[in-house]
Amino acid sequence: MDLCLVNIDNNLNKSLRPSSVIGMLWLQTHFPNDKWEALSNNEVIISKENSELLVKDATSAGLNIKSFSGVSMLDVFQKKN
């Protein structure tokens, strides 16, 4: 997985989380330099509409993207530990 999108509220806003070096490098080509620290710290929130555009663009570039609800993402982390 290169990018992970996690639903964070009922409006389907999403937390954008790079999950690989390729995912982070791809994000760096699409966001200004002053946003890179927030990207690397998983502090970027995007709207449902913008996440759909991002997924379309990233998928066409060959990235692997997963989308989770907050609850299912917790399950994923608990299974790894």
Protein backbone atom coordinates (compact mmCIF):
# COMPACT_ATOMS: atom_id res chain seq x y z
CA MET A 1 0.00 0.00 0.00
CA ASP A 2 1.37 3.42 -0.97
CA LEU A 3 -1.37 5.72 0.32
CA CYS A 4 -4.03 5.22 2.94
CA LEU A 5 -7.23 7.24 3.29
CA VAL A 6 -9.11 6.96 6.58
CA ASN A 7 -12.65 8.32 7.05
CA ILE A 8 -12.59 10.63 10.04
CA ASP A 9 -16.15 11.96 10.24
CA ASN A 10 -19.70 11.61 8.95
CA ASN A 11 -18.97 14.03 6.09
CA LEU A 12 -16.48 11.47 4.73
CA ASN A 13 -13.50 13.79 5.19
CA LYS A 14 -10.37 11.71 5.14
CA SER A 15 -6.98 11.62 6.76
CA LEU A 16 -4.32 11.19 4.08
CA ARG A 17 -1.46 8.93 5.17
CA PRO A 18 1.51 7.97 3.03
CA SER A 19 2.33 4.30 3.61
CA SER A 20 5.45 3.88 1.49
CA VAL A 21 8.38 5.87 0.19
CA ILE A 22 6.76 5.87 -3.25
CA GLY A 23 3.53 7.22 -1.76
CA MET A 24 5.39 10.02 0.02
CA LEU A 25 7.41 10.91 -3.07
CA TRP A 26 4.25 11.01 -5.17
CA LEU A 27 2.58 13.32 -2.64
CA GLN A 28 5.63 15.60 -2.67
CA THR A 29 5.13 16.10 -6.42
CA HIS A 30 1.51 17.14 -5.83
CA PHE A 31 1.74 19.33 -2.74
CA PRO A 32 3.86 22.44 -2.06
CA ASN A 33 7.04 22.15 0.02
CA ASP A 34 5.45 23.77 3.06
CA LYS A 35 2.95 20.86 3.32
CA TRP A 36 5.52 18.02 3.30
CA GLU A 37 6.00 17.97 7.07
CA ALA A 38 2.23 17.70 7.63
CA LEU A 39 2.09 14.92 5.02
CA SER A 40 4.86 12.95 6.70
CA ASN A 41 3.19 13.39 10.11
CA ASN A 42 -0.24 12.18 8.88
CA GLU A 43 -1.78 15.59 9.60
CA VAL A 44 -3.46 16.22 6.22
CA ILE A 45 -7.25 16.09 6.01
CA ILE A 46 -8.95 16.17 2.61
CA SER A 47 -12.59 16.29 1.57
CA LYS A 48 -14.44 13.38 0.02
CA GLU A 49 -14.42 15.14 -3.36
CA ASN A 50 -10.68 15.88 -3.25
CA SER A 51 -9.93 12.34 -2.08
CA GLU A 52 -11.79 10.96 -5.10
CA LEU A 53 -9.66 13.13 -7.41
CA LEU A 54 -6.48 12.13 -5.58
CA VAL A 55 -7.35 8.42 -5.81
CA LYS A 56 -8.04 8.70 -9.53
CA ASP A 57 -4.76 10.52 -10.19
CA ALA A 58 -2.65 8.30 -7.92
CA THR A 59 -4.17 5.10 -9.28
CA SER A 60 -3.46 6.20 -12.85
CA ALA A 61 0.16 6.73 -11.75
CA GLY A 62 0.31 3.12 -10.52
CA LEU A 63 0.06 3.69 -6.77
CA ASN A 64 -1.74 1.22 -4.52
CA ILE A 65 -4.35 2.99 -2.38
CA LYS A 66 -6.52 1.68 0.44
CA SER A 67 -9.45 3.44 2.05
CA PHE A 68 -10.69 2.56 5.53
CA SER A 69 -13.24 3.69 8.03
CA GLY A 70 -11.72 4.71 11.34
CA VAL A 71 -13.00 1.51 12.98
CA SER A 72 -11.63 -0.86 10.34
CA MET A 73 -8.27 0.92 10.38
CA LEU A 74 -8.04 0.27 14.12
CA ASP A 75 -8.69 -3.42 13.40
CA VAL A 76 -5.84 -3.47 10.86
CA PHE A 77 -3.36 -2.01 13.36
CA GLN A 78 -4.47 -4.37 16.14
CA LYS A 79 -3.99 -7.42 13.89
CA LYS A 80 -0.39 -6.36 13.14
CA ASN A 81 0.52 -6.23 16.83
